[in-house]
């Protein structure tokens, strides 16, 4: 069973943005959103795709990118 990251910043007064992963850990089509300052960097297959301002815009971009990849 793969280890899942925990939310260790839950009790801080000004928590930083948390990163997240879209897809399973063993899936080659996995996207990672990594916090960079006040923004989120989207990484796919080791390449930086885009830097988004919030989680909502990052999820929208990933959804659109998945549709483009299937064509």
PDB file of N, CA and C in Angstrom:
ATOM      1  N   UNK A   1       0.841  -1.178   0.000  1.00  0.00           N
ATOM      2  CA  UNK A   1       0.000   0.000   0.000  1.00  0.00           C
ATOM      3  C   UNK A   1       0.886   1.241   0.000  1.00  0.00           C
ATOM      4  N   UNK A   2       0.590   2.188  -0.851  1.00  0.00           N
ATOM      5  CA  UNK A   2       1.406   3.397  -0.980  1.00  0.00           C
ATOM      6  C   UNK A   2       1.087   4.379   0.134  1.00  0.00           C
ATOM      7  N   UNK A   3       2.109   5.090   0.585  1.00  0.00           N
ATOM      8  CA  UNK A   3       1.910   6.095   1.627  1.00  0.00           C
ATOM      9  C   UNK A   3       1.260   7.328   1.029  1.00  0.00           C
ATOM     10  N   UNK A   4       0.283   7.865   1.736  1.00  0.00           N
ATOM     11  CA  UNK A   4      -0.400   9.085   1.322  1.00  0.00           C
ATOM     12  C   UNK A   4       0.114  10.236   2.178  1.00  0.00           C
ATOM     13  N   UNK A   5       0.314  11.428   1.598  1.00  0.00           N
ATOM     14  CA  UNK A   5       0.766  12.568   2.400  1.00  0.00           C
ATOM     15  C   UNK A   5      -0.347  13.034   3.337  1.00  0.00           C
ATOM     16  N   UNK A   6       0.052  13.608   4.459  1.00  0.00           N
ATOM     17  CA  UNK A   6      -0.925  14.103   5.431  1.00  0.00           C
ATOM     18  C   UNK A   6      -0.913  15.625   5.437  1.00  0.00           C
ATOM     19  N   UNK A   7      -1.942  16.194   6.019  1.00  0.00           N
ATOM     20  CA  UNK A   7      -2.048  17.649   6.134  1.00  0.00           C
ATOM     21  C   UNK A   7      -1.422  18.064   7.462  1.00  0.00           C
ATOM     22  N   UNK A   8      -0.136  18.306   7.479  1.00  0.00           N
ATOM     23  CA  UNK A   8       0.574  18.633   8.710  1.00  0.00           C
ATOM     24  C   UNK A   8       0.449  20.108   9.081  1.00  0.00           C
ATOM     25  N   UNK A   9      -0.117  20.937   8.216  1.00  0.00           N
ATOM     26  CA  UNK A   9      -0.246  22.367   8.485  1.00  0.00           C
ATOM     27  C   UNK A   9      -1.632  22.745   8.968  1.00  0.00           C
ATOM     28  N   UNK A  10      -2.406  21.793   9.428  1.00  0.00           N
ATOM     29  CA  UNK A  10      -3.807  22.045   9.744  1.00  0.00           C
ATOM     30  C   UNK A  10      -3.980  22.998  10.927  1.00  0.00           C
ATOM     31  N   UNK A  11      -3.030  23.072  11.830  1.00  0.00           N
ATOM     32  CA  UNK A  11      -3.171  23.918  13.015  1.00  0.00           C
ATOM     33  C   UNK A  11      -2.403  25.232  12.946  1.00  0.00           C
ATOM     34  N   UNK A  12      -1.752  25.536  11.849  1.00  0.00           N
ATOM     35  CA  UNK A  12      -1.027  26.801  11.743  1.00  0.00           C
ATOM     36  C   UNK A  12      -2.001  27.935  11.455  1.00  0.00           C
ATOM     37  N   UNK A  13      -1.664  29.143  11.906  1.00  0.00           N
ATOM     38  CA  UNK A  13      -2.571  30.282  11.754  1.00  0.00           C
ATOM     39  C   UNK A  13      -2.700  30.731  10.303  1.00  0.00           C
ATOM     40  N   UNK A  14      -1.615  30.727   9.552  1.00  0.00           N
ATOM     41  CA  UNK A  14      -1.646  31.066   8.130  1.00  0.00           C
ATOM     42  C   UNK A  14      -1.065  29.891   7.346  1.00  0.00           C
ATOM     43  N   UNK A  15      -1.885  28.869   7.110  1.00  0.00           N
ATOM     44  CA  UNK A  15      -1.330  27.691   6.437  1.00  0.00           C
ATOM     45  C   UNK A  15      -1.006  27.979   4.974  1.00  0.00           C
ATOM     46  N   UNK A  16       0.083  27.420   4.481  1.00  0.00           N
ATOM     47  CA  UNK A  16       0.403  27.585   3.056  1.00  0.00           C
ATOM     48  C   UNK A  16      -0.556  26.755   2.218  1.00  0.00           C
ATOM     49  N   UNK A  17      -0.620  27.066   0.931  1.00  0.00           N
ATOM     50  CA  UNK A  17      -1.453  26.263   0.043  1.00  0.00           C
ATOM     51  C   UNK A  17      -0.893  24.848   0.004  1.00  0.00           C
ATOM     52  N   UNK A  18      -1.796  23.888   0.048  1.00  0.00           N
ATOM     53  CA  UNK A  18      -1.373  22.498  -0.022  1.00  0.00           C
ATOM     54  C   UNK A  18      -1.325  22.049  -1.473  1.00  0.00           C
ATOM     55  N   UNK A  19      -0.362  21.225  -1.778  1.00  0.00           N
ATOM     56  CA  UNK A  19      -0.310  20.624  -3.094  1.00  0.00           C
ATOM     57  C   UNK A  19      -1.268  19.449  -3.150  1.00  0.00           C
ATOM     58  N   UNK A  20      -1.564  18.983  -4.350  1.00  0.00           N
ATOM     59  CA  UNK A  20      -2.432  17.829  -4.500  1.00  0.00           C
ATOM     60  C   UNK A  20      -2.048  17.075  -5.756  1.00  0.00           C
ATOM     61  N   UNK A  21      -2.562  15.861  -5.850  1.00  0.00           N
ATOM     62  CA  UNK A  21      -2.261  14.984  -6.974  1.00  0.00           C
ATOM     63  C   UNK A  21      -3.579  14.583  -7.624  1.00  0.00           C
ATOM     64  N   UNK A  22      -3.633  14.600  -8.952  1.00  0.00           N
ATOM     65  CA  UNK A  22      -4.803  14.144  -9.698  1.00  0.00           C
ATOM     66  C   UNK A  22      -4.400  12.864 -10.405  1.00  0.00           C
ATOM     67  N   UNK A  23      -5.077  11.784 -10.082  1.00  0.00           N
ATOM     68  CA  UNK A  23      -4.748  10.466 -10.624  1.00  0.00           C
ATOM     69  C   UNK A  23      -4.189   9.589  -9.516  1.00  0.00           C
ATOM     70  N   UNK A  24      -4.063   8.313  -9.794  1.00  0.00           N
ATOM     71  CA  UNK A  24      -3.532   7.391  -8.787  1.00  0.00           C
ATOM     72  C   UNK A  24      -2.004   7.437  -8.796  1.00  0.00           C
ATOM     73  N   UNK A  25      -1.413   6.917  -7.746  1.00  0.00           N
ATOM     74  CA  UNK A  25       0.045   6.956  -7.601  1.00  0.00           C
ATOM     75  C   UNK A  25       0.754   6.116  -8.654  1.00  0.00           C
ATOM     76  N   UNK A  26       0.113   5.045  -9.132  1.00  0.00           N
ATOM     77  CA  UNK A  26       0.743   4.154 -10.115  1.00  0.00           C
ATOM     78  C   UNK A  26       0.397   4.521 -11.548  1.00  0.00           C
ATOM     79  N   UNK A  27      -0.429   5.535 -11.730  1.00  0.00           N
ATOM     80  CA  UNK A  27      -0.908   5.939 -13.047  1.00  0.00           C
ATOM     81  C   UNK A  27       0.132   6.823 -13.746  1.00  0.00           C
ATOM     82  N   UNK A  28       0.525   6.491 -14.985  1.00  0.00           N
ATOM     83  CA  UNK A  28       1.469   7.361 -15.695  1.00  0.00           C
ATOM     84  C   UNK A  28       0.838   8.689 -16.109  1.00  0.00           C
ATOM     85  N   UNK A  29      -0.488   8.781 -16.080  1.00  0.00           N
ATOM     86  CA  UNK A  29      -1.207  10.011 -16.428  1.00  0.00           C
ATOM     87  C   UNK A  29      -1.486  10.849 -15.182  1.00  0.00           C
ATOM     88  N   UNK A  30      -0.567  10.881 -14.243  1.00  0.00           N
ATOM     89  CA  UNK A  30      -0.759  11.587 -12.979  1.00  0.00           C
ATOM     90  C   UNK A  30      -0.270  13.030 -13.089  1.00  0.00           C
ATOM     91  N   UNK A  31      -1.046  13.943 -12.532  1.00  0.00           N
ATOM     92  CA  UNK A  31      -0.695  15.363 -12.464  1.00  0.00           C
ATOM     93  C   UNK A  31      -0.413  15.712 -11.008  1.00  0.00           C
ATOM     94  N   UNK A  32       0.564  16.562 -10.785  1.00  0.00           N
ATOM     95  CA  UNK A  32       0.877  17.027  -9.435  1.00  0.00           C
ATOM     96  C   UNK A  32       0.811  18.551  -9.411  1.00  0.00           C
ATOM     97  N   UNK A  33       0.193  19.087  -8.376  1.00  0.00           N
ATOM     98  CA  UNK A  33       0.161  20.535  -8.163  1.00  0.00           C
ATOM     99  C   UNK A  33       1.032  20.821  -6.958  1.00  0.00           C
ATOM    100  N   UNK A  34       2.084  21.574  -7.172  1.00  0.00           N
ATOM    101  CA  UNK A  34       3.079  21.851  -6.139  1.00  0.00           C
ATOM    102  C   UNK A  34       3.004  23.328  -5.761  1.00  0.00           C
ATOM    103  N   UNK A  35       2.912  23.631  -4.473  1.00  0.00           N
ATOM    104  CA  UNK A  35       2.874  25.045  -4.081  1.00  0.00           C
ATOM    105  C   UNK A  35       4.204  25.738  -4.354  1.00  0.00           C
ATOM    106  N   UNK A  36       4.101  26.941  -4.951  1.00  0.00           N
ATOM    107  CA  UNK A  36       5.267  27.790  -5.208  1.00  0.00           C
ATOM    108  C   UNK A  36       4.912  29.189  -4.719  1.00  0.00           C
ATOM    109  N   UNK A  37       5.282  29.517  -3.508  1.00  0.00           N
ATOM    110  CA  UNK A  37       4.900  30.808  -2.944  1.00  0.00           C
ATOM    111  C   UNK A  37       3.403  30.862  -2.738  1.00  0.00           C
ATOM    112  N   UNK A  38       2.731  31.796  -3.390  1.00  0.00           N
ATOM    113  CA  UNK A  38       1.277  31.909  -3.288  1.00  0.00           C
ATOM    114  C   UNK A  38       0.571  31.273  -4.474  1.00  0.00           C
ATOM    115  N   UNK A  39       1.269  30.541  -5.309  1.00  0.00           N
ATOM    116  CA  UNK A  39       0.702  29.947  -6.513  1.00  0.00           C
ATOM    117  C   UNK A  39       0.883  28.441  -6.509  1.00  0.00           C
ATOM    118  N   UNK A  40       0.289  27.779  -7.511  1.00  0.00           N
ATOM    119  CA  UNK A  40       0.414  26.336  -7.663  1.00  0.00           C
ATOM    120  C   UNK A  40       1.016  26.020  -9.031  1.00  0.00           C
ATOM    121  N   UNK A  41       2.030  25.186  -9.047  1.00  0.00           N
ATOM    122  CA  UNK A  41       2.693  24.774 -10.277  1.00  0.00           C
ATOM    123  C   UNK A  41       2.175  23.393 -10.666  1.00  0.00           C
ATOM    124  N   UNK A  42       1.703  23.246 -11.906  1.00  0.00           N
ATOM    125  CA  UNK A  42       1.200  21.965 -12.394  1.00  0.00           C
ATOM    126  C   UNK A  42       2.330  21.238 -13.102  1.00  0.00           C
ATOM    127  N   UNK A  43       2.586  20.003 -12.657  1.00  0.00           N
ATOM    128  CA  UNK A  43       3.657  19.181 -13.217  1.00  0.00           C
ATOM    129  C   UNK A  43       3.043  17.915 -13.795  1.00  0.00           C
ATOM    130  N   UNK A  44       3.428  17.584 -15.026  1.00  0.00           N
ATOM    131  CA  UNK A  44       2.942  16.382 -15.707  1.00  0.00           C
ATOM    132  C   UNK A  44       4.128  15.704 -16.378  1.00  0.00           C
ATOM    133  N   UNK A  45       4.373  14.457 -16.048  1.00  0.00           N
ATOM    134  CA  UNK A  45       5.492  13.672 -16.571  1.00  0.00           C
ATOM    135  C   UNK A  45       6.821  14.409 -16.435  1.00  0.00           C
ATOM    136  N   UNK A  46       7.038  15.055 -15.294  1.00  0.00           N
ATOM    137  CA  UNK A  46       8.288  15.731 -15.006  1.00  0.00           C
ATOM    138  C   UNK A  46       8.458  17.088 -15.647  1.00  0.00           C
ATOM    139  N   UNK A  47       7.426  17.588 -16.315  1.00  0.00           N
ATOM    140  CA  UNK A  47       7.510  18.887 -16.985  1.00  0.00           C
ATOM    141  C   UNK A  47       6.528  19.864 -16.360  1.00  0.00           C
ATOM    142  N   UNK A  48       6.968  21.083 -16.176  1.00  0.00           N
ATOM    143  CA  UNK A  48       6.107  22.137 -15.657  1.00  0.00           C
ATOM    144  C   UNK A  48       5.195  22.603 -16.787  1.00  0.00           C
ATOM    145  N   UNK A  49       3.872  22.475 -16.565  1.00  0.00           N
ATOM    146  CA  UNK A  49       2.928  22.889 -17.599  1.00  0.00           C
ATOM    147  C   UNK A  49       2.474  24.325 -17.420  1.00  0.00           C
ATOM    148  N   UNK A  50       2.100  24.689 -16.205  1.00  0.00           N
ATOM    149  CA  UNK A  50       1.525  26.006 -15.977  1.00  0.00           C
ATOM    150  C   UNK A  50       1.610  26.347 -14.493  1.00  0.00           C
ATOM    151  N   UNK A  51       1.597  27.645 -14.195  1.00  0.00           N
ATOM    152  CA  UNK A  51       1.509  28.126 -12.820  1.00  0.00           C
ATOM    153  C   UNK A  51       0.159  28.816 -12.667  1.00  0.00           C
ATOM    154  N   UNK A  52      -0.656  28.321 -11.740  1.00  0.00           N
ATOM    155  CA  UNK A  52      -2.004  28.832 -11.520  1.00  0.00           C
ATOM    156  C   UNK A  52      -2.075  29.582 -10.197  1.00  0.00           C
ATOM    157  N   UNK A  53      -3.048  30.503 -10.116  1.00  0.00           N
ATOM    158  CA  UNK A  53      -3.200  31.315  -8.912  1.00  0.00           C
ATOM    159  C   UNK A  53      -3.932  30.597  -7.790  1.00  0.00           C
ATOM    160  N   UNK A  54      -4.846  29.676  -8.122  1.00  0.00           N
ATOM    161  CA  UNK A  54      -5.588  28.991  -7.072  1.00  0.00           C
ATOM    162  C   UNK A  54      -5.893  27.558  -7.495  1.00  0.00           C
ATOM    163  N   UNK A  55      -6.455  26.795  -6.566  1.00  0.00           N
ATOM    164  CA  UNK A  55      -6.721  25.379  -6.804  1.00  0.00           C
ATOM    165  C   UNK A  55      -7.799  25.181  -7.869  1.00  0.00           C
ATOM    166  N   UNK A  56      -8.787  26.050  -7.876  1.00  0.00           N
ATOM    167  CA  UNK A  56      -9.884  25.926  -8.839  1.00  0.00           C
ATOM    168  C   UNK A  56      -9.374  26.055 -10.282  1.00  0.00           C
ATOM    169  N   UNK A  57      -8.543  27.060 -10.534  1.00  0.00           N
ATOM    170  CA  UNK A  57      -8.014  27.233 -11.893  1.00  0.00           C
ATOM    171  C   UNK A  57      -7.067  26.092 -12.266  1.00  0.00           C
ATOM    172  N   UNK A  58      -6.339  25.555 -11.301  1.00  0.00           N
ATOM    173  CA  UNK A  58      -5.442  24.427 -11.569  1.00  0.00           C
ATOM    174  C   UNK A  58      -6.242  23.188 -11.958  1.00  0.00           C
ATOM    175  N   UNK A  59      -7.322  22.910 -11.245  1.00  0.00           N
ATOM    176  CA  UNK A  59      -8.155  21.748 -11.567  1.00  0.00           C
ATOM    177  C   UNK A  59      -8.821  21.896 -12.934  1.00  0.00           C
ATOM    178  N   UNK A  60      -9.251  23.110 -13.287  1.00  0.00           N
ATOM    179  CA  UNK A  60      -9.840  23.346 -14.605  1.00  0.00           C
ATOM    180  C   UNK A  60      -8.815  23.099 -15.709  1.00  0.00           C
ATOM    181  N   UNK A  61      -7.579  23.580 -15.507  1.00  0.00           N
ATOM    182  CA  UNK A  61      -6.535  23.382 -16.507  1.00  0.00           C
ATOM    183  C   UNK A  61      -6.224  21.897 -16.685  1.00  0.00           C
ATOM    184  N   UNK A  62      -6.148  21.157 -15.580  1.00  0.00           N
ATOM    185  CA  UNK A  62      -5.854  19.726 -15.656  1.00  0.00           C
ATOM    186  C   UNK A  62      -6.964  19.000 -16.405  1.00  0.00           C
ATOM    187  N   UNK A  63      -8.210  19.363 -16.140  1.00  0.00           N
ATOM    188  CA  UNK A  63      -9.343  18.743 -16.821  1.00  0.00           C
ATOM    189  C   UNK A  63      -9.274  18.984 -18.335  1.00  0.00           C
ATOM    190  N   UNK A  64      -8.957  20.220 -18.736  1.00  0.00           N
ATOM    191  CA  UNK A  64      -8.830  20.536 -20.161  1.00  0.00           C
ATOM    192  C   UNK A  64      -7.642  19.816 -20.788  1.00  0.00           C
ATOM    193  N   UNK A  65      -6.535  19.730 -20.053  1.00  0.00           N
ATOM    194  CA  UNK A  65      -5.332  19.083 -20.575  1.00  0.00           C
ATOM    195  C   UNK A  65      -5.575  17.586 -20.769  1.00  0.00           C
ATOM    196  N   UNK A  66      -6.323  16.963 -19.871  1.00  0.00           N
ATOM    197  CA  UNK A  66      -6.637  15.540 -20.013  1.00  0.00           C
ATOM    198  C   UNK A  66      -7.436  15.287 -21.292  1.00  0.00           C
ATOM    199  N   UNK A  67      -8.398  16.169 -21.595  1.00  0.00           N
ATOM    200  CA  UNK A  67      -9.213  16.011 -22.801  1.00  0.00           C
ATOM    201  C   UNK A  67      -8.357  16.149 -24.047  1.00  0.00           C
ATOM    202  N   UNK A  68      -7.410  17.090 -24.044  1.00  0.00           N
ATOM    203  CA  UNK A  68      -6.527  17.273 -25.202  1.00  0.00           C
ATOM    204  C   UNK A  68      -5.609  16.084 -25.413  1.00  0.00           C
ATOM    205  N   UNK A  69      -5.159  15.448 -24.314  1.00  0.00           N
ATOM    206  CA  UNK A  69      -4.247  14.320 -24.412  1.00  0.00           C
ATOM    207  C   UNK A  69      -4.917  13.088 -25.002  1.00  0.00           C
ATOM    208  N   UNK A  70      -6.233  12.956 -24.841  1.00  0.00           N
ATOM    209  CA  UNK A  70      -6.937  11.766 -25.333  1.00  0.00           C
ATOM    210  C   UNK A  70      -7.166  11.796 -26.830  1.00  0.00           C
ATOM    211  N   UNK A  71      -7.065  12.957 -27.459  1.00  0.00           N
ATOM    212  CA  UNK A  71      -7.319  13.065 -28.902  1.00  0.00           C
ATOM    213  C   UNK A  71      -6.204  12.488 -29.716  1.00  0.00           C
TER     214      UNK A  71
END
